[in-house]
């Protein structure tokens, strides 16, 4: 079961929860998480490059 999906994230944010994602290794994963405005991200490899670019 995949808990980290768009529907759950929307529900958790509406409930006032902060959301952190880790360890995101792909460009796609980091971009997806950045678009959802996570409170915190832990990234490595290509994911780190994508996360840096998204925050500039």
Protein backbone atom coordinates (compact mmCIF):
# COMPACT_ATOMS: atom_id res chain seq x y z
CA UNK A 1 0.00 0.00 0.00
CA UNK A 2 1.39 3.36 -1.00
CA UNK A 3 0.55 5.96 1.64
CA UNK A 4 2.39 8.86 0.04
CA UNK A 5 0.01 9.82 -2.74
CA UNK A 6 -1.81 12.98 -3.85
CA UNK A 7 -5.12 12.11 -2.16
CA UNK A 8 -3.58 11.35 1.24
CA UNK A 9 -1.29 14.37 1.12
CA UNK A 10 -4.23 16.66 0.39
CA UNK A 11 -6.21 15.14 3.25
CA UNK A 12 -3.31 15.44 5.71
CA UNK A 13 -2.60 19.06 4.74
CA UNK A 14 -6.29 19.95 5.12
CA UNK A 15 -6.07 18.46 8.64
CA UNK A 16 -3.19 20.87 9.38
CA UNK A 17 -0.42 18.27 9.38
CA UNK A 18 3.10 18.98 8.19
CA UNK A 19 4.51 16.49 5.71
CA UNK A 20 8.09 15.34 5.18
CA UNK A 21 9.35 13.06 2.44
CA UNK A 22 12.53 10.98 2.38
CA UNK A 23 14.71 9.66 0.72
CA UNK A 24 13.86 10.95 -2.74
CA UNK A 25 16.48 9.83 -5.23
CA UNK A 26 14.93 10.59 -8.60
CA UNK A 27 14.34 13.85 -10.42
CA UNK A 28 10.67 12.92 -10.81
CA UNK A 29 10.24 12.15 -7.11
CA UNK A 30 11.85 15.40 -5.99
CA UNK A 31 9.83 17.45 -8.49
CA UNK A 32 6.59 15.76 -7.39
CA UNK A 33 7.33 16.42 -3.72
CA UNK A 34 8.38 20.03 -4.38
CA UNK A 35 5.14 20.69 -6.25
CA UNK A 36 3.17 19.50 -3.21
CA UNK A 37 4.98 21.93 -0.90
CA UNK A 38 6.21 19.46 1.68
CA UNK A 39 7.41 20.89 4.97
CA UNK A 40 10.70 18.99 4.61
CA UNK A 41 12.43 16.84 2.03
CA UNK A 42 15.39 14.51 2.29
CA UNK A 43 16.94 13.99 -1.12
CA UNK A 44 20.07 12.48 -2.61
CA UNK A 45 21.62 11.92 -6.01
CA UNK A 46 19.61 13.28 -8.94
CA UNK A 47 16.79 14.14 -6.54
CA UNK A 48 19.04 16.63 -4.74
CA UNK A 49 19.83 18.43 -7.99
CA UNK A 50 16.13 18.66 -8.87
CA UNK A 51 15.15 19.86 -5.39
CA UNK A 52 17.80 22.59 -5.48
CA UNK A 53 16.58 23.77 -8.87
CA UNK A 54 12.95 23.83 -7.65
CA UNK A 55 13.76 26.07 -4.70
CA UNK A 56 15.59 28.74 -6.71
